[in-house]
C-alpha atoms as a PDB file:
ATOM      1  CA  ILE A   1       0.000   0.000   0.000  1.00  0.00           C
ATOM      2  CA  ALA A   2       2.879   2.338   0.833  1.00  0.00           C
ATOM      3  CA  ARG A   3       4.283   1.655  -2.636  1.00  0.00           C
ATOM      4  CA  ALA A   4       0.950   2.409  -4.299  1.00  0.00           C
ATOM      5  CA  LEU A   5       0.700   5.687  -2.409  1.00  0.00           C
ATOM      6  CA  GLY A   6       4.212   6.618  -3.514  1.00  0.00           C
ATOM      7  CA  TRP A   7       5.680   6.560  -0.010  1.00  0.00           C
ATOM      8  CA  VAL A   8       8.105   3.754  -0.886  1.00  0.00           C
ATOM      9  CA  LYS A   9       9.983   3.406  -4.162  1.00  0.00           C
ATOM     10  CA  LEU A  10      10.494  -0.353  -4.126  1.00  0.00           C
ATOM     11  CA  LYS A  11      11.148  -2.179  -7.400  1.00  0.00           C
ATOM     12  CA  PRO A  12      12.199  -5.776  -6.677  1.00  0.00           C
ATOM     13  CA  ARG A  13      13.977  -7.720  -9.381  1.00  0.00           C
ATOM     14  CA  ALA A  14      12.220 -10.671 -10.967  1.00  0.00           C
ATOM     15  CA  TRP A  15      14.708 -13.206  -9.550  1.00  0.00           C
ATOM     16  CA  THR A  16      13.710 -12.245  -5.997  1.00  0.00           C
ATOM     17  CA  MET A  17      10.302 -13.760  -6.672  1.00  0.00           C
ATOM     18  CA  VAL A  18      11.848 -17.247  -6.776  1.00  0.00           C
ATOM     19  CA  PRO A  19      12.747 -17.418  -3.065  1.00  0.00           C
ATOM     20  CA  ALA A  20       9.673 -15.358  -2.139  1.00  0.00           C
ATOM     21  CA  GLY A  21       7.426 -17.713  -4.114  1.00  0.00           C
ATOM     22  CA  GLY A  22       9.103 -20.726  -2.533  1.00  0.00           C
ATOM     23  CA  PHE A  23       8.506 -19.251   0.907  1.00  0.00           C
ATOM     24  CA  VAL A  24       4.827 -18.587   0.145  1.00  0.00           C
ATOM     25  CA  GLY A  25       4.458 -22.089  -1.305  1.00  0.00           C
ATOM     26  CA  ALA A  26       6.026 -23.655   1.784  1.00  0.00           C
ATOM     27  CA  LEU A  27       3.739 -21.666   4.081  1.00  0.00           C
ATOM     28  CA  ASN A  28       0.729 -22.595   1.988  1.00  0.00           C
ATOM     29  CA  GLY A  29       1.627 -26.286   2.048  1.00  0.00           C
ATOM     30  CA  ALA A  30       2.308 -26.287   5.774  1.00  0.00           C
ATOM     31  CA  ALA A  31      -0.553 -24.197   7.082  1.00  0.00           C
ATOM     32  CA  GLY A  32      -2.756 -23.119   4.165  1.00  0.00           C
ATOM     33  CA  GLY A  33      -4.018 -19.622   3.568  1.00  0.00           C
ATOM     34  CA  ALA A  34      -0.671 -18.245   2.425  1.00  0.00           C
ATOM     35  CA  GLY A  35      -2.214 -17.594  -0.974  1.00  0.00           C
ATOM     36  CA  LEU A  36      -3.076 -14.153   0.387  1.00  0.00           C
ATOM     37  CA  LEU A  37       0.639 -13.374   0.211  1.00  0.00           C
ATOM     38  CA  VAL A  38       0.761 -13.898  -3.563  1.00  0.00           C
ATOM     39  CA  ALA A  39      -1.072 -10.665  -4.367  1.00  0.00           C
ATOM     40  CA  PRO A  40       1.373  -8.346  -2.554  1.00  0.00           C
ATOM     41  CA  LEU A  41       4.312 -10.096  -4.225  1.00  0.00           C
ATOM     42  CA  LEU A  42       2.878  -9.591  -7.691  1.00  0.00           C
ATOM     43  CA  LEU A  43       1.828  -6.021  -6.945  1.00  0.00           C
ATOM     44  CA  ALA A  44       5.392  -5.315  -5.764  1.00  0.00           C
ATOM     45  CA  LEU A  45       6.611  -6.377  -9.198  1.00  0.00           C
ATOM     46  CA  GLY A  46       4.427  -3.670 -10.685  1.00  0.00           C
ATOM     47  CA  LEU A  47       1.856  -5.928 -12.311  1.00  0.00           C
ATOM     48  CA  ALA A  48      -1.539  -4.389 -12.966  1.00  0.00           C
ATOM     49  CA  GLY A  49      -4.766  -5.040 -14.807  1.00  0.00           C
ATOM     50  CA  GLU A  50      -5.252  -8.271 -16.712  1.00  0.00           C
ATOM     51  CA  THR A  51      -1.576  -9.220 -16.357  1.00  0.00           C
ATOM     52  CA  TYR A  52      -1.948  -9.068 -12.578  1.00  0.00           C
ATOM     53  CA  VAL A  53      -5.212 -11.040 -12.566  1.00  0.00           C
ATOM     54  CA  ALA A  54      -3.819 -13.699 -14.917  1.00  0.00           C
ATOM     55  CA  SER A  55      -0.654 -14.050 -12.815  1.00  0.00           C
ATOM     56  CA  VAL A  56      -2.627 -14.421  -9.577  1.00  0.00           C
ATOM     57  CA  SER A  57      -4.831 -17.026 -11.261  1.00  0.00           C
ATOM     58  CA  ALA A  58      -1.822 -18.986 -12.548  1.00  0.00           C
ATOM     59  CA  CYS A  59      -0.289 -18.975  -9.059  1.00  0.00           C
ATOM     60  CA  ALA A  60      -3.565 -20.186  -7.548  1.00  0.00           C
ATOM     61  CA  VAL A  61      -3.824 -23.054 -10.027  1.00  0.00           C
ATOM     62  CA  ALA A  62      -0.226 -24.092  -9.307  1.00  0.00           C
ATOM     63  CA  MET A  63      -0.783 -24.001  -5.540  1.00  0.00           C
ATOM     64  CA  HIS A  64      -4.037 -25.966  -5.718  1.00  0.00           C
ATOM     65  CA  PHE A  65      -2.599 -28.632  -8.007  1.00  0.00           C
ATOM     66  CA  GLY A  66       0.443 -28.927  -5.767  1.00  0.00           C
ATOM     67  CA  ARG A  67      -1.768 -29.319  -2.736  1.00  0.00           C
ATOM     68  CA  ILE A  68      -3.963 -31.945  -4.439  1.00  0.00           C
ATOM     69  CA  ILE A  69      -0.904 -33.918  -5.553  1.00  0.00           C
ATOM     70  CA  GLY A  70       0.653 -33.716  -2.090  1.00  0.00           C
ATOM     71  CA  TYR A  71      -2.505 -34.696  -0.263  1.00  0.00           C
ATOM     72  CA  GLY A  72      -3.183 -37.435  -2.804  1.00  0.00           C
ATOM     73  CA  ALA A  73       0.305 -38.870  -2.331  1.00  0.00           C
ATOM     74  CA  GLY A  74      -0.304 -38.903   1.416  1.00  0.00           C
ATOM     75  CA  GLY A  75      -3.647 -40.665   1.034  1.00  0.00           C
ATOM     76  CA  LEU A  76      -5.566 -37.649   2.334  1.00  0.00           C
ATOM     77  CA  PHE A  77      -7.402 -36.774  -0.886  1.00  0.00           C
ATOM     78  CA  THR A  78     -10.737 -38.598  -0.821  1.00  0.00           C
ATOM     79  CA  PRO A  79     -13.427 -38.814  -3.527  1.00  0.00           C
ATOM     80  CA  HIS A  80     -15.514 -36.414  -1.433  1.00  0.00           C
ATOM     81  CA  LEU A  81     -12.683 -33.870  -1.471  1.00  0.00           C
ATOM     82  CA  ALA A  82     -12.300 -34.398  -5.224  1.00  0.00           C
ATOM     83  CA  TRP A  83     -15.973 -33.503  -5.645  1.00  0.00           C
ATOM     84  CA  LEU A  84     -15.629 -30.417  -3.429  1.00  0.00           C
ATOM     85  CA  SER A  85     -12.530 -29.374  -5.379  1.00  0.00           C
ATOM     86  CA  PHE A  86     -14.414 -29.730  -8.649  1.00  0.00           C
ATOM     87  CA  VAL A  87     -17.336 -27.647  -7.378  1.00  0.00           C
ATOM     88  CA  ALA A  88     -14.953 -24.973  -6.081  1.00  0.00           C
ATOM     89  CA  ALA A  89     -13.060 -24.931  -9.393  1.00  0.00           C
ATOM     90  CA  VAL A  90     -16.291 -24.421 -11.357  1.00  0.00           C
ATOM     91  CA  ALA A  91     -17.356 -21.636  -8.986  1.00  0.00           C
ATOM     92  CA  ILE A  92     -13.970 -19.910  -9.225  1.00  0.00           C
ATOM     93  CA  LEU A  93     -13.893 -20.214 -13.013  1.00  0.00           C
ATOM     94  CA  SER A  94     -17.408 -18.772 -13.226  1.00  0.00           C
ATOM     95  CA  GLY A  95     -16.375 -15.932 -10.941  1.00  0.00           C
ATOM     96  CA  ASN A  96     -13.347 -15.238 -13.125  1.00  0.00           C
ATOM     97  CA  PHE A  97     -15.535 -14.932 -16.212  1.00  0.00           C
ATOM     98  CA  ILE A  98     -17.861 -12.535 -14.396  1.00  0.00           C
ATOM     99  CA  GLY A  99     -14.863 -10.609 -13.072  1.00  0.00           C
ATOM    100  CA  ARG A 100     -13.400 -10.264 -16.549  1.00  0.00           C
ATOM    101  CA  ARG A 101     -16.599  -8.633 -17.753  1.00  0.00           C
ATOM    102  CA  LEU A 102     -16.669  -6.335 -14.724  1.00  0.00           C
ATOM    103  CA  ARG A 103     -13.021  -5.447 -15.373  1.00  0.00           C
ATOM    104  CA  LYS A 104     -14.006  -3.799 -18.644  1.00  0.00           C
ATOM    105  CA  ILE A 105     -16.350  -1.558 -16.677  1.00  0.00           C
ATOM    106  CA  SER A 106     -13.787  -0.871 -13.976  1.00  0.00           C
ATOM    107  CA  ALA A 107     -11.006  -0.071 -16.473  1.00  0.00           C
ATOM    108  CA  LYS A 108     -11.807   3.602 -15.937  1.00  0.00           C
ATOM    109  CA  ILE A 109     -10.433   3.423 -12.388  1.00  0.00           C
ATOM    110  CA  PRO A 110      -6.884   4.817 -12.519  1.00  0.00           C
ATOM    111  CA  GLY A 111      -3.807   2.886 -11.403  1.00  0.00           C
ATOM    112  CA  ASN A 112      -3.983  -0.202  -9.235  1.00  0.00           C
ATOM    113  CA  ARG A 113      -6.718   1.127  -6.980  1.00  0.00           C
ATOM    114  CA  LEU A 114      -9.088  -1.738  -7.725  1.00  0.00           C
ATOM    115  CA  GLU A 115      -6.406  -4.371  -7.047  1.00  0.00           C
ATOM    116  CA  TYR A 116      -5.370  -2.729  -3.774  1.00  0.00           C
ATOM    117  CA  ALA A 117      -8.976  -2.251  -2.649  1.00  0.00           C
ATOM    118  CA  THR A 118      -9.671  -5.926  -3.321  1.00  0.00           C
ATOM    119  CA  LEU A 119      -6.531  -6.959  -1.448  1.00  0.00           C
ATOM    120  CA  ILE A 120      -7.441  -4.814   1.572  1.00  0.00           C
ATOM    121  CA  ALA A 121     -11.006  -6.171   1.577  1.00  0.00           C
ATOM    122  CA  CYS A 122      -9.846  -9.811   1.430  1.00  0.00           C
ATOM    123  CA  VAL A 123      -7.230  -9.387   4.153  1.00  0.00           C
ATOM    124  CA  SER A 124      -9.767  -7.577   6.347  1.00  0.00           C
ATOM    125  CA  LEU A 125     -12.325 -10.352   5.892  1.00  0.00           C
ATOM    126  CA  ALA A 126      -9.673 -12.955   6.723  1.00  0.00           C
ATOM    127  CA  LEU A 127      -8.595 -11.078   9.844  1.00  0.00           C
ATOM    128  CA  PHE A 128     -12.192 -10.859  11.033  1.00  0.00           C
ATOM    129  CA  GLY A 129     -12.585 -14.604  10.521  1.00  0.00           C
ATOM    130  CA  VAL A 130     -15.174 -14.442   7.754  1.00  0.00           C
ATOM    131  CA  GLY A 131     -15.526 -17.880   6.235  1.00  0.00           C
ATOM    132  CA  HIS A 132     -14.684 -19.837   9.387  1.00  0.00           C
END
């Protein structure tokens, strides 16, 4: 947020995302929920608009597949969980299509304001325990 407001002039190099991504992946595999850390990493790189959304989506797919493979290898992925994963994937994909249409409307909002507002809203909801 400080970077978006111009208070901090931080421009990390692309190679720094490798250890940062590994750290986020390890946290996500160990405790879950670390996916919230992906957005700030990608925003720090300066991504915006559809490039940002596509990158976040690609990271989410990679994390979910990794989790499914890991849980499956450990015998923890049941047919019931496969069904829930399928339903969640369809819901997320549907939401992405709706979001893409809304993005055309919101393209008039300058800068990364929409991305930062979404990030703040999601973190706030998580901190207040919404969804538990």
